Amino acid sequence: KGCVTIEDPQTVILNAPKESSAIKNSERGIGHSVHRFTFSQVFGPETTQSEFFEGSMKEIVRAYVNGVNGLVFTYGVTNAGKTFTIQGNSKDFGILPRSLDVIFNHIRGRHYLKMNFKPYLSNDVKKLEDAQVKQEEAIKTAILSSLKEVSDQILPFLYTAIKILSISCLIIELCLCLGLAEKNFVPLDVYRTNTHQRTQASVWISFCEIYNEYVYDLLNVLSTSKPQKRRVLRICEDQGGSSYVKDLKWINIQSTEEAWKILKIGNKNRSFACTRMNEQSSRSHSIFSIRLLRLTDEHQPCVLGVSELSFCDLAGSERCNKTQAFGDRLKEAGNINNSLHILGKCIAALKQNQNPKMKPSYIPFRESKLTRLFQPFFCGKGKACMIVNINPHASTYDETLHVMKFSAIAKQVIQTILPKSFGYFPPKLVGGNGKPIVHFDANTSVDDFPDSTETSTEEEVDITILSHEDLLKTTENLKEKLVAERQSKLLLEVKIRREMAEAMFRQLLETEEAWRQVILHNRLEDMKDSYEEKLESKFEMYKEAIKKHAYVCAMEQIEDHYVPIEEFLAEQQKVE
């Protein structure tokens, strides 16, 4: 119905159909009926998978084989062709198998076939013992043997997928520690012959999904005889703060065909369901990761670097009134929409924080499993590519408009390239027990990386040009300084505690003396009052006694000198 029009290779125009909410809002003066969006590159429905790969993935894969981590994720409404874009089918491969083909062409002739070096945590490598290598081989054999249980038509919806409009939006034009300019890359066709004699490469893959905010390993072999509950995996962080999925299976692969088989096995275990808008709707976010281990070409290889390329097939956002979802489907849709909403909040916060005039806002990476795994790429630790798939049908116009608005915000995010010194430190090598082991060759430096970008003479010297032995000596010196500093801090703490204890003891003595004086003063006052009361009572008693004595004496004197009136009168008459 002409809802979507490609104006030029970078611009798309959306015209609201009559039945959409957008046209109704525009009639009421809210919003517009026509929207124009600009992207890095626009691919029309006539674009082939090969053309799309050349136009969107070429630089990502180039950076990856040169040691830069990469993330590719598809975004769009349900039934927009996101899974088809990444995986394709057995007749028309998507960007994932095509990327694998380029990787194996790049390492042809120097493929490390053993399994004794395995990815560990987020960016480290574990050296396996012979028994552990046999265990890895058994796990791989068990997974591949389960392929016969998988139907060749595992994804039938891919063969009948509608023609879609795929918009590749390279929103994160950055990488870790390398300045990616076109002149620094070797054309992909040259990868077949341009080999590096001193390096080997080992390829490992993993496949997991985030379903209802729980992480599951899609390569877990479950028994078909009786139903088993899938194990929930945890997302952890290493010492550098990078997130990884704990206990996720990493499988060593020797060819693109093996990777395609493992992809089909993982799709068998992935959560799909039928909705009104999609016969085979992805109900989870799936993440297919490829790790490339770079090793020295020696009798006892050493690890030079690790790079990871992840393909994330995001579940499509949907409206429940259109998909007629209820029960489990309704719960799944709620979790899908919530994780995509948090992804939108993170990208909006990143865009806001680019403005120096505005107060930096909190980026809610930890509110969702998906954004926790995306955080390193959004924070400058890798190169990312966002592919927006839209369905030009009028029935999904409102959802498509929301997707395009989100993509427009994402395109405005400009990532900051981390300093070069962050990218070239060799990964930590651990033994089968998980403890670090150090036996790097002192003569091996980062300059042995194939096709690495040369550092400009005007730039700051990279400290990683030092040999491993010098780096270890520097580390030991720093450890000694740290121990000495801790000892001085401990002595200072003991001294301060002693001084504080003495001060507190003196204060206690002074307080005790003050209270003693107060108590003594109060006691003297009480004794004074008591004595005064006793003296007053005795004084009153003496006064009463004196009065009584004076009265008695007076009465005795009166009795001694008493003359009866008759005698007095008689004597008076005699005198007269």
Protein backbone atom coordinates (compact mmCIF):
# COMPACT_ATOMS: atom_id res chain seq x y z
CA LYS A 1 0.00 0.00 0.00
CA GLY A 2 3.01 2.29 -0.29
CA CYS A 3 3.56 2.65 3.45
CA VAL A 4 7.33 2.42 3.05
CA THR A 5 9.28 4.27 0.37
CA ILE A 6 13.05 4.23 -0.18
CA GLU A 7 13.97 7.77 -1.15
CA ASP A 8 17.72 7.14 -1.52
CA PRO A 9 20.32 4.63 -0.22
CA GLN A 10 20.27 6.35 3.19
CA THR A 11 16.69 7.62 3.56
CA VAL A 12 13.33 5.92 4.15
CA ILE A 13 9.92 7.61 4.16
CA LEU A 14 6.97 6.17 6.09
CA ASN A 15 3.43 7.13 5.07
CA ALA A 16 0.73 6.25 7.58
CA PRO A 17 -2.14 4.13 6.17
CA LYS A 18 -5.74 5.03 6.89
CA GLU A 19 -6.25 2.21 9.38
CA SER A 20 -3.23 3.11 11.54
CA SER A 21 -3.25 4.94 14.84
CA ALA A 22 -0.69 7.40 13.47
CA ILE A 23 -3.10 8.80 10.85
CA LYS A 24 -5.84 9.12 13.46
CA ASN A 25 -3.51 11.02 15.78
CA SER A 26 -2.37 13.31 12.97
CA GLU A 27 -6.00 14.17 12.19
CA ARG A 28 -6.39 15.28 15.80
CA GLY A 29 -3.24 17.38 15.52
CA ILE A 30 -0.99 14.90 17.34
CA GLY A 31 2.07 13.87 15.38
CA HIS A 32 2.50 13.60 11.62
CA SER A 33 1.35 11.18 8.98
CA VAL A 34 4.66 11.21 7.09
CA HIS A 35 8.04 10.45 8.69
CA ARG A 36 11.53 10.54 7.19
CA PHE A 37 14.38 8.50 8.66
CA THR A 38 18.06 8.49 7.72
CA PHE A 39 20.40 5.52 8.22
CA SER A 40 23.90 4.43 7.28
CA GLN A 41 22.62 2.20 4.50
CA VAL A 42 19.19 1.09 3.28
CA PHE A 43 18.65 -2.26 1.56
CA GLY A 44 15.46 -2.85 -0.41
CA PRO A 45 13.45 -6.06 -0.77
CA GLU A 46 15.36 -6.98 -3.94
CA THR A 47 18.69 -7.16 -2.06
CA THR A 48 20.30 -10.62 -1.99
CA GLN A 49 21.93 -12.12 1.08
CA SER A 50 25.34 -11.78 -0.56
CA GLU A 51 24.82 -8.09 -1.32
CA PHE A 52 23.54 -7.46 2.17
CA PHE A 53 26.58 -9.16 3.72
CA GLU A 54 28.99 -7.14 1.58
CA GLY A 55 27.22 -3.90 2.46
CA SER A 56 26.76 -4.40 6.20
CA MET A 57 29.13 -7.03 7.61
CA LYS A 58 32.37 -6.60 5.69
CA GLU A 59 34.00 -4.13 8.06
CA ILE A 60 32.74 -5.92 11.18
CA VAL A 61 34.38 -9.18 10.06
CA ARG A 62 37.54 -7.31 9.04
CA ALA A 63 37.84 -5.79 12.48
CA TYR A 64 37.09 -9.15 14.11
CA VAL A 65 39.86 -11.09 12.35
CA ASN A 66 42.22 -8.27 13.33
CA GLY A 67 41.44 -8.78 17.02
CA VAL A 68 38.44 -6.47 17.62
CA ASN A 69 35.32 -7.77 19.36
CA GLY A 70 32.10 -7.41 17.39
CA LEU A 71 28.36 -7.50 18.03
CA VAL A 72 25.63 -7.78 15.40
CA PHE A 73 22.00 -7.69 16.51
CA THR A 74 18.76 -7.54 14.57
CA TYR A 75 15.87 -5.41 15.77
CA GLY A 76 12.29 -5.20 14.55
CA VAL A 77 8.70 -6.29 15.02
CA THR A 78 7.64 -9.91 14.95
CA ASN A 79 7.62 -11.59 11.51
CA ALA A 80 9.99 -9.00 10.02
CA GLY A 81 12.66 -11.52 8.94
CA LYS A 82 15.30 -11.04 11.64
CA THR A 83 16.17 -14.74 11.95
CA PHE A 84 16.31 -15.11 8.18
CA THR A 85 18.71 -12.17 7.96
CA ILE A 86 21.14 -13.78 10.42
CA GLN A 87 20.82 -17.48 9.58
CA GLY A 88 19.26 -17.70 6.14
CA ASN A 89 18.65 -21.27 4.98
CA SER A 90 20.58 -24.13 3.39
CA LYS A 91 20.15 -22.58 -0.07
CA ASP A 92 20.65 -18.93 0.79
CA PHE A 93 22.98 -18.41 3.74
CA GLY A 94 22.58 -15.43 6.06
CA ILE A 95 25.24 -13.19 7.52
CA LEU A 96 26.22 -15.71 10.22
CA PRO A 97 27.33 -18.62 7.99
CA ARG A 98 28.86 -16.16 5.52
CA SER A 99 30.91 -14.62 8.33
CA LEU A 100 32.06 -18.09 9.38
CA ASP A 101 33.11 -18.82 5.81
CA VAL A 102 35.22 -15.64 5.71
CA ILE A 103 36.81 -16.49 9.07
CA PHE A 104 37.84 -19.99 7.98
CA ASN A 105 39.16 -18.64 4.68
CA HIS A 106 41.23 -16.16 6.65
CA ILE A 107 42.86 -18.84 8.86
CA ARG A 108 43.28 -21.42 6.10
CA GLY A 109 46.67 -23.08 6.36
CA ARG A 110 47.23 -22.08 9.98
CA HIS A 111 44.19 -23.59 11.69
CA TYR A 112 45.11 -24.94 15.14
CA LEU A 113 43.35 -28.32 15.24
CA LYS A 114 43.92 -29.29 18.87
CA MET A 115 41.45 -28.52 21.66
CA ASN A 116 43.88 -27.91 24.51
CA PHE A 117 43.26 -24.13 24.49
CA LYS A 118 39.69 -23.20 25.37
CA PRO A 119 37.92 -19.85 25.99
CA TYR A 120 37.52 -19.04 29.68
CA LEU A 121 35.43 -16.35 31.39
CA SER A 122 35.01 -13.27 29.17
CA ASN A 123 38.42 -12.85 27.55
CA ASP A 124 40.77 -15.43 29.04
CA VAL A 125 42.01 -18.82 27.86
CA LYS A 126 42.20 -22.11 29.75
CA LYS A 127 44.85 -24.69 28.92
CA LEU A 128 43.30 -28.15 29.18
CA GLU A 129 44.92 -31.36 30.32
CA ASP A 130 44.71 -34.52 28.19
CA ALA A 131 41.71 -35.84 30.13
CA GLN A 132 39.90 -32.54 29.71
CA VAL A 133 40.64 -32.53 25.97
CA LYS A 134 39.07 -35.99 25.66
CA GLN A 135 36.06 -34.72 27.57
CA GLU A 136 35.69 -31.81 25.14
CA GLU A 137 35.90 -34.21 22.20
CA ALA A 138 33.21 -36.41 23.77
CA ILE A 139 30.91 -33.41 24.29
CA LYS A 140 31.35 -32.32 20.68
CA THR A 141 30.69 -35.84 19.41
CA ALA A 142 27.54 -36.12 21.53
CA ILE A 143 26.22 -32.81 20.21
CA LEU A 144 26.91 -33.65 16.57
CA SER A 145 25.41 -37.12 16.97
CA SER A 146 22.14 -35.55 18.05
CA LEU A 147 21.88 -33.89 14.63
CA LYS A 148 20.17 -36.95 13.16
CA GLU A 149 17.26 -36.25 15.48
CA VAL A 150 16.90 -32.79 13.98
CA SER A 151 14.70 -32.53 10.91
CA ASP A 152 16.19 -30.98 7.81
CA GLN A 153 13.21 -28.65 7.85
CA ILE A 154 13.98 -27.27 11.29
CA LEU A 155 13.13 -23.75 10.21
CA PRO A 156 10.39 -24.12 7.57
CA PHE A 157 9.34 -20.54 7.97
CA LEU A 158 12.66 -19.43 6.55
CA TYR A 159 11.79 -20.87 3.12
CA THR A 160 8.51 -18.99 2.93
CA ALA A 161 9.75 -15.78 4.49
CA ILE A 162 8.23 -12.70 2.95
CA LYS A 163 10.44 -10.17 1.20
CA ILE A 164 11.46 -7.65 3.75
CA LEU A 165 13.09 -4.27 3.95
CA SER A 166 16.34 -4.60 5.87
CA ILE A 167 17.93 -1.42 7.16
CA SER A 168 21.51 -1.73 8.30
CA CYS A 169 22.29 0.90 10.86
CA LEU A 170 25.94 0.93 11.91
CA ILE A 171 25.36 2.92 15.06
CA ILE A 172 28.66 2.13 16.77
CA GLU A 173 31.53 3.07 14.49
CA LEU A 174 34.24 2.21 16.96
CA CYS A 175 36.57 -0.52 18.02
CA LEU A 176 38.80 -1.34 20.91
CA CYS A 177 42.35 0.02 20.57
CA LEU A 178 42.54 0.11 16.72
CA GLY A 179 41.74 3.09 14.55
CA LEU A 180 39.80 1.43 11.75
CA ALA A 181 40.41 3.21 8.46
CA GLU A 182 39.75 1.64 5.09
CA LYS A 183 43.42 1.63 4.15
CA ASN A 184 44.28 -0.48 7.19
CA PHE A 185 42.28 -3.48 5.96
CA VAL A 186 43.18 -6.22 3.54
CA PRO A 187 40.42 -7.05 1.02
CA LEU A 188 38.44 -10.13 1.96
CA ASP A 189 39.48 -11.94 -1.20
CA VAL A 190 43.13 -11.72 -0.13
CA TYR A 191 42.41 -13.55 3.14
CA ARG A 192 42.72 -16.87 1.32
CA THR A 193 46.41 -16.37 0.54
CA ASN A 194 47.72 -13.77 3.00
CA THR A 195 48.75 -15.96 5.93
CA HIS A 196 50.90 -15.10 8.89
CA GLN A 197 53.66 -17.64 9.42
CA ARG A 198 54.07 -17.10 13.14
CA THR A 199 50.44 -17.41 14.22
CA GLN A 200 47.77 -20.07 14.40
CA ALA A 201 44.06 -19.75 15.12
CA SER A 202 41.50 -21.82 16.99
CA VAL A 203 37.75 -21.25 16.54
CA TRP A 204 35.17 -21.90 19.29
CA ILE A 205 31.44 -21.24 19.23
CA SER A 206 28.59 -21.07 21.75
CA PHE A 207 24.83 -20.72 21.40
CA CYS A 208 22.48 -19.55 24.14
CA GLU A 209 19.10 -17.88 24.52
CA ILE A 210 17.45 -15.47 26.95
CA TYR A 211 13.93 -16.79 27.54
CA ASN A 212 11.66 -15.08 30.08
CA GLU A 213 14.75 -13.37 31.54
CA TYR A 214 16.48 -16.73 32.08
CA VAL A 215 19.64 -17.75 30.22
CA TYR A 216 19.75 -21.26 28.74
CA ASP A 217 22.47 -23.11 26.83
CA LEU A 218 21.05 -24.25 23.48
CA LEU A 219 23.84 -26.81 23.07
CA ASN A 220 22.90 -28.86 26.12
CA VAL A 221 22.12 -32.42 25.03
CA LEU A 222 18.90 -33.48 26.77
CA SER A 223 17.58 -37.01 26.89
CA THR A 224 14.67 -37.65 24.52
CA SER A 225 13.41 -40.63 26.51
CA LYS A 226 12.23 -38.59 29.47
CA PRO A 227 11.64 -34.85 29.78
CA GLN A 228 14.32 -32.92 31.63
CA LYS A 229 14.31 -29.42 33.02
CA ARG A 230 16.80 -27.13 31.36
CA ARG A 231 19.55 -25.70 33.53
CA VAL A 232 19.43 -21.95 34.11
CA LEU A 233 22.79 -20.20 33.64
CA ARG A 234 24.00 -17.11 35.49
CA ILE A 235 25.56 -13.95 34.10
CA CYS A 236 28.75 -13.08 36.01
CA GLU A 237 31.49 -10.48 35.74
CA ASP A 238 35.23 -11.01 35.62
CA GLN A 239 37.85 -8.86 37.36
CA GLY A 240 37.73 -6.36 34.50
CA GLY A 241 33.98 -5.87 34.84
CA SER A 242 33.10 -7.65 31.57
CA SER A 243 29.98 -9.83 31.64
CA TYR A 244 29.95 -13.47 30.59
CA VAL A 245 27.61 -16.46 30.89
CA LYS A 246 28.92 -18.89 33.49
CA ASP A 247 29.11 -22.60 32.53
CA LEU A 248 28.20 -21.88 28.90
CA LYS A 249 29.43 -24.61 26.53
CA TRP A 250 32.13 -23.63 24.04
CA ILE A 251 32.55 -26.07 21.14
CA ASN A 252 35.67 -26.22 18.99
CA ILE A 253 34.84 -26.29 15.27
CA GLN A 254 37.00 -27.15 12.28
CA SER A 255 34.82 -25.91 9.41
CA THR A 256 31.77 -23.88 8.43
CA GLU A 257 29.83 -27.12 7.93
CA GLU A 258 30.34 -28.11 11.58
CA ALA A 259 29.20 -24.68 12.70
CA TRP A 260 26.07 -24.94 10.51
CA LYS A 261 25.25 -28.33 12.04
CA ILE A 262 25.64 -26.98 15.56
CA LEU A 263 23.49 -23.99 14.63
CA LYS A 264 20.71 -26.35 13.51
CA ILE A 265 21.00 -28.30 16.77
CA GLY A 266 20.72 -25.09 18.77
CA ASN A 267 17.69 -24.00 16.76
CA LYS A 268 16.04 -27.28 17.67
CA ASN A 269 16.34 -26.39 21.36
CA ARG A 270 15.36 -22.75 20.89
CA SER A 271 11.98 -21.46 22.04
CA PHE A 272 9.57 -21.03 19.11
CA ALA A 273 5.79 -20.73 19.15
CA CYS A 274 2.94 -20.04 16.77
CA THR A 275 1.14 -16.71 17.05
CA ARG A 276 -1.48 -14.99 14.94
CA MET A 277 1.19 -12.87 13.22
CA ASN A 278 3.94 -15.48 12.86
CA GLU A 279 3.72 -19.22 12.40
CA GLN A 280 7.20 -19.74 13.86
CA SER A 281 7.76 -16.80 16.20
CA SER A 282 11.01 -16.57 18.16
CA ARG A 283 10.08 -16.33 21.83
CA SER A 284 13.59 -15.62 23.06
CA HIS A 285 16.71 -13.60 22.29
CA SER A 286 19.36 -15.95 20.90
CA ILE A 287 23.10 -15.19 20.95
CA PHE A 288 25.52 -17.12 18.74
CA SER A 289 29.14 -16.28 19.62
CA ILE A 290 32.37 -17.07 17.79
CA ARG A 291 35.70 -16.75 19.60
CA LEU A 292 38.95 -16.67 17.70
CA LEU A 293 42.04 -17.64 19.72
CA ARG A 294 45.37 -16.45 18.30
CA LEU A 295 48.31 -18.70 19.13
CA THR A 296 52.00 -18.66 18.31
CA ASP A 297 53.10 -21.16 15.68
CA GLU A 298 55.51 -23.07 17.90
CA HIS A 299 55.94 -26.47 19.52
CA GLN A 300 54.36 -25.10 22.70
CA PRO A 301 51.95 -22.39 21.49
CA CYS A 302 51.28 -19.31 23.59
CA VAL A 303 48.16 -17.19 23.50
CA LEU A 304 48.48 -13.88 21.66
CA GLY A 305 44.90 -12.64 21.70
CA VAL A 306 41.20 -13.45 21.84
CA SER A 307 38.44 -11.80 19.82
CA GLU A 308 34.71 -12.51 19.89
CA LEU A 309 31.98 -11.96 17.31
CA SER A 310 28.39 -12.33 18.56
CA PHE A 311 25.20 -12.52 16.52
CA CYS A 312 22.09 -11.69 18.54
CA ASP A 313 18.69 -12.49 17.06
CA LEU A 314 16.36 -10.35 19.16
CA ALA A 315 12.80 -11.54 19.56
CA GLY A 316 10.33 -9.22 17.88
CA SER A 317 8.28 -6.69 19.78
CA GLU A 318 4.55 -7.30 19.48
CA ARG A 319 1.13 -6.13 20.58
CA CYS A 320 -0.91 -8.77 22.32
CA ASN A 321 -4.19 -7.58 20.80
CA LYS A 322 -2.77 -8.34 17.35
CA THR A 323 -0.98 -11.60 18.14
CA GLN A 324 -3.89 -12.85 20.28
CA ALA A 325 -1.37 -13.97 22.90
CA PHE A 326 -2.54 -15.44 26.18
CA GLY A 327 -1.14 -17.73 28.86
CA ASP A 328 2.52 -18.58 28.27
CA ARG A 329 2.59 -16.55 25.03
CA LEU A 330 1.39 -13.48 26.93
CA LYS A 331 4.10 -13.92 29.58
CA GLU A 332 6.74 -14.38 26.87
CA ALA A 333 5.58 -11.25 25.05
CA GLY A 334 5.73 -9.25 28.27
CA ASN A 335 9.31 -10.29 28.97
CA ILE A 336 10.34 -9.66 25.35
CA ASN A 337 8.84 -6.18 25.30
CA ASN A 338 10.32 -5.39 28.72
CA SER A 339 13.88 -6.33 27.70
CA LEU A 340 13.55 -4.34 24.47
CA HIS A 341 12.19 -1.40 26.46
CA ILE A 342 15.25 -1.49 28.76
CA LEU A 343 17.50 -1.67 25.69
CA GLY A 344 15.78 1.48 24.45
CA LYS A 345 16.27 3.18 27.81
CA CYS A 346 19.99 2.36 27.74
CA ILE A 347 20.44 3.77 24.25
CA ALA A 348 18.42 6.88 25.12
CA ALA A 349 20.58 7.40 28.23
CA LEU A 350 23.75 6.99 26.16
CA LYS A 351 22.49 9.63 23.74
CA GLN A 352 21.59 12.00 26.60
CA ASN A 353 25.00 11.59 28.23
CA GLN A 354 26.66 12.79 25.03
CA ASN A 355 25.34 16.29 25.73
CA PRO A 356 27.88 18.03 28.01
CA LYS A 357 25.27 20.59 29.07
CA MET A 358 22.99 17.96 30.58
CA LYS A 359 23.52 16.10 33.83
CA PRO A 360 24.68 12.52 33.14
CA SER A 361 21.87 10.05 33.66
CA TYR A 362 21.97 6.51 34.99
CA ILE A 363 22.22 3.82 32.29
CA PRO A 364 20.12 0.80 33.40
CA PHE A 365 22.35 -1.94 31.99
CA ARG A 366 21.73 -4.24 34.96
CA GLU A 367 17.94 -4.20 34.67
CA SER A 368 17.96 -6.84 31.94
CA LYS A 369 20.02 -9.91 31.03
CA LEU A 370 20.23 -8.69 27.43
CA THR A 371 21.63 -5.25 28.24
CA ARG A 372 24.14 -6.74 30.70
CA LEU A 373 25.64 -8.76 27.85
CA PHE A 374 25.50 -5.74 25.50
CA GLN A 375 27.12 -3.38 28.03
CA PRO A 376 30.79 -3.90 26.98
CA PHE A 377 30.00 -2.96 23.38
CA PHE A 378 28.00 0.12 24.36
CA CYS A 379 30.87 1.18 26.66
CA GLY A 380 33.54 1.09 23.96
CA LYS A 381 34.90 -2.46 24.22
CA GLY A 382 33.92 -3.58 20.74
CA LYS A 383 32.38 -2.73 17.38
CA ALA A 384 28.62 -3.17 16.96
CA CYS A 385 26.21 -3.28 14.06
CA MET A 386 22.46 -2.83 14.48
CA ILE A 387 20.30 -4.25 11.70
CA VAL A 388 16.70 -3.04 11.67
CA ASN A 389 14.22 -5.31 9.88
CA ILE A 390 10.82 -3.90 9.02
CA ASN A 391 7.71 -5.42 7.48
CA PRO A 392 6.20 -3.00 4.93
CA HIS A 393 2.69 -4.37 5.47
CA ALA A 394 0.12 -1.79 6.61
CA SER A 395 -1.15 -3.96 9.48
CA THR A 396 2.13 -3.51 11.38
CA TYR A 397 2.69 0.16 10.53
CA ASP A 398 2.33 1.48 14.10
CA GLU A 399 4.81 -1.05 15.45
CA THR A 400 7.16 -0.35 12.55
CA LEU A 401 7.01 3.39 13.23
CA HIS A 402 8.00 2.76 16.86
CA VAL A 403 10.94 0.62 15.70
CA MET A 404 12.09 3.33 13.30
CA LYS A 405 11.92 6.03 15.98
CA PHE A 406 13.99 3.86 18.30
CA SER A 407 16.52 3.27 15.52
CA ALA A 408 16.73 7.00 14.85
CA ILE A 409 17.73 7.54 18.48
CA ALA A 410 20.25 4.69 18.30
CA LYS A 411 21.87 6.16 15.20
CA GLN A 412 22.66 9.37 17.11
CA VAL A 413 24.72 7.51 19.72
CA ILE A 414 28.42 8.27 19.23
CA GLN A 415 30.72 5.93 21.10
CA THR A 416 34.03 7.01 22.62
CA ILE A 417 37.01 4.96 21.47
CA LEU A 418 38.97 3.60 24.42
CA PRO A 419 42.73 4.31 24.65
CA LYS A 420 44.93 2.00 22.64
CA SER A 421 46.68 0.63 25.69
CA PHE A 422 43.48 -1.16 26.72
CA GLY A 423 43.28 -3.51 23.80
CA TYR A 424 46.57 -5.32 23.32
CA PHE A 425 47.28 -6.91 26.67
CA PRO A 426 47.42 -10.66 26.09
CA PRO A 427 44.58 -12.63 27.69
CA LYS A 428 45.23 -14.41 30.94
CA LEU A 429 46.06 -18.09 30.52
CA VAL A 430 44.76 -20.46 33.19
CA GLY A 431 45.28 -24.14 33.74
CA GLY A 432 42.70 -26.86 33.89
CA ASN A 433 42.08 -26.07 37.55
CA GLY A 434 41.33 -22.43 36.76
CA LYS A 435 44.54 -21.06 38.32
CA PRO A 436 46.68 -18.67 36.25
CA ILE A 437 49.80 -20.04 34.60
CA VAL A 438 52.53 -17.85 33.14
CA HIS A 439 54.93 -19.11 30.51
CA PHE A 440 54.72 -16.51 27.77
CA ASP A 441 57.68 -16.27 25.44
CA ALA A 442 59.67 -13.15 26.28
CA ASN A 443 60.49 -12.67 22.60
CA THR A 444 56.84 -12.64 21.57
CA SER A 445 55.14 -9.26 21.48
CA VAL A 446 51.92 -7.84 20.21
CA ASP A 447 53.66 -6.93 16.97
CA ASP A 448 53.21 -10.60 15.98
CA PHE A 449 49.48 -10.03 15.49
CA PRO A 450 48.52 -10.43 11.82
CA ASP A 451 47.39 -7.33 9.94
CA SER A 452 47.66 -5.18 13.06
CA THR A 453 47.48 -1.42 12.64
CA GLU A 454 50.79 0.37 13.06
CA THR A 455 51.01 3.01 15.75
CA SER A 456 51.63 6.56 14.56
CA THR A 457 54.91 8.10 15.66
CA GLU A 458 53.06 11.18 16.84
CA GLU A 459 50.91 9.19 19.23
CA GLU A 460 51.78 8.19 22.74
CA VAL A 461 53.99 5.13 22.96
CA ASP A 462 52.02 1.99 23.80
CA ILE A 463 53.41 0.31 26.89
CA THR A 464 52.44 -3.10 25.53
CA ILE A 465 55.47 -3.08 23.21
CA LEU A 466 57.36 -4.41 26.22
CA SER A 467 58.07 -8.11 26.29
CA HIS A 468 56.16 -10.41 28.58
CA GLU A 469 59.23 -10.78 30.81
CA ASP A 470 59.45 -7.01 31.27
CA LEU A 471 55.75 -6.83 31.99
CA LEU A 472 56.10 -9.57 34.59
CA LYS A 473 59.03 -7.74 36.21
CA THR A 474 56.98 -4.56 36.27
CA THR A 475 54.14 -6.49 37.85
CA GLU A 476 56.44 -7.92 40.52
CA ASN A 477 57.80 -4.45 41.30
CA LEU A 478 54.29 -3.12 41.61
CA LYS A 479 53.41 -6.02 43.89
CA GLU A 480 56.42 -5.24 46.11
CA LYS A 481 55.44 -1.58 46.25
CA LEU A 482 51.90 -2.60 47.10
CA VAL A 483 53.11 -4.85 49.95
CA ALA A 484 55.36 -2.07 51.30
CA GLU A 485 52.53 0.42 51.08
CA ARG A 486 50.20 -1.97 52.90
CA GLN A 487 52.82 -2.48 55.64
CA SER A 488 53.28 1.27 56.10
CA LYS A 489 49.52 1.72 56.22
CA LEU A 490 49.29 -1.06 58.80
CA LEU A 491 51.99 0.53 60.99
CA LEU A 492 50.27 3.89 60.67
CA GLU A 493 46.99 2.30 61.65
CA VAL A 494 48.58 0.66 64.72
CA LYS A 495 50.15 3.99 65.74
CA ILE A 496 46.87 5.84 65.33
CA ARG A 497 45.01 3.16 67.27
CA ARG A 498 47.58 3.38 70.11
CA GLU A 499 47.30 7.16 70.26
CA MET A 500 43.52 6.95 70.20
CA ALA A 501 43.57 4.35 73.00
CA GLU A 502 45.84 6.53 75.16
CA ALA A 503 43.68 9.57 74.54
CA MET A 504 40.55 7.64 75.42
CA PHE A 505 42.21 6.28 78.60
CA ARG A 506 43.20 9.81 79.68
CA GLN A 507 39.72 11.02 78.98
CA LEU A 508 38.29 8.20 81.07
CA LEU A 509 40.59 9.09 83.99
CA GLU A 510 39.65 12.75 83.78
CA THR A 511 35.99 11.88 83.65
CA GLU A 512 36.36 9.56 86.62
CA GLU A 513 38.16 12.26 88.64
CA ALA A 514 35.54 14.82 87.75
CA TRP A 515 32.78 12.52 88.87
CA ARG A 516 34.68 11.78 92.07
CA GLN A 517 34.88 15.51 92.82
CA VAL A 518 31.22 15.94 92.05
CA ILE A 519 30.26 13.05 94.27
CA LEU A 520 32.51 14.32 97.10
CA HIS A 521 31.07 17.82 96.82
CA ASN A 522 27.55 16.47 96.89
CA ARG A 523 28.38 14.30 99.87
CA LEU A 524 29.87 17.28 101.78
CA GLU A 525 26.81 19.35 101.04
CA ASP A 526 24.60 16.55 102.29
CA MET A 527 26.68 16.21 105.47
CA LYS A 528 26.60 19.99 106.02
CA ASP A 529 22.85 20.08 105.69
CA SER A 530 22.54 17.11 108.00
CA TYR A 531 24.79 18.70 110.66
CA GLU A 532 22.97 22.01 110.40
CA GLU A 533 19.67 20.27 110.95
CA LYS A 534 21.06 18.40 113.94
CA LEU A 535 22.56 21.61 115.42
CA GLU A 536 19.34 23.49 114.98
CA SER A 537 17.36 20.73 116.61
CA LYS A 538 19.81 20.63 119.56
CA PHE A 539 19.78 24.42 119.81
CA GLU A 540 16.02 24.40 120.03
CA MET A 541 16.18 21.66 122.59
CA TYR A 542 18.68 23.65 124.71
CA LYS A 543 16.52 26.74 124.44
CA GLU A 544 13.53 24.84 125.73
CA ALA A 545 15.60 23.35 128.54
CA ILE A 546 16.92 26.79 129.55
CA LYS A 547 13.44 28.19 129.57
CA LYS A 548 12.22 25.39 131.75
CA HIS A 549 15.19 25.77 134.11
CA ALA A 550 14.70 29.53 134.37
CA TYR A 551 11.06 29.00 135.12
CA VAL A 552 11.83 26.44 137.81
CA CYS A 553 14.44 28.73 139.38
CA ALA A 554 12.06 31.65 139.31
CA MET A 555 9.39 29.59 140.94
CA GLU A 556 11.83 28.48 143.64
CA GLN A 557 12.82 32.09 144.32
CA ILE A 558 9.21 33.10 144.51
CA GLU A 559 8.55 30.34 146.97
CA ASP A 560 11.53 31.43 149.11
CA HIS A 561 10.45 35.07 149.26
CA TYR A 562 6.74 34.53 149.37
CA VAL A 563 4.95 36.48 152.16
CA PRO A 564 1.27 35.92 152.72
CA ILE A 565 -0.84 39.05 152.22
CA GLU A 566 -1.97 39.05 155.81
CA GLU A 567 1.60 39.21 157.07
CA PHE A 568 2.45 41.92 154.54
CA LEU A 569 -0.46 44.03 155.58
CA ALA A 570 0.37 43.50 159.27
CA GLU A 571 3.97 44.56 158.73
CA GLN A 572 2.90 47.60 156.74
CA GLN A 573 0.64 48.74 159.54
CA LYS A 574 3.47 48.35 162.00
CA VAL A 575 5.64 50.56 159.89
CA GLU A 576 3.01 53.18 159.71
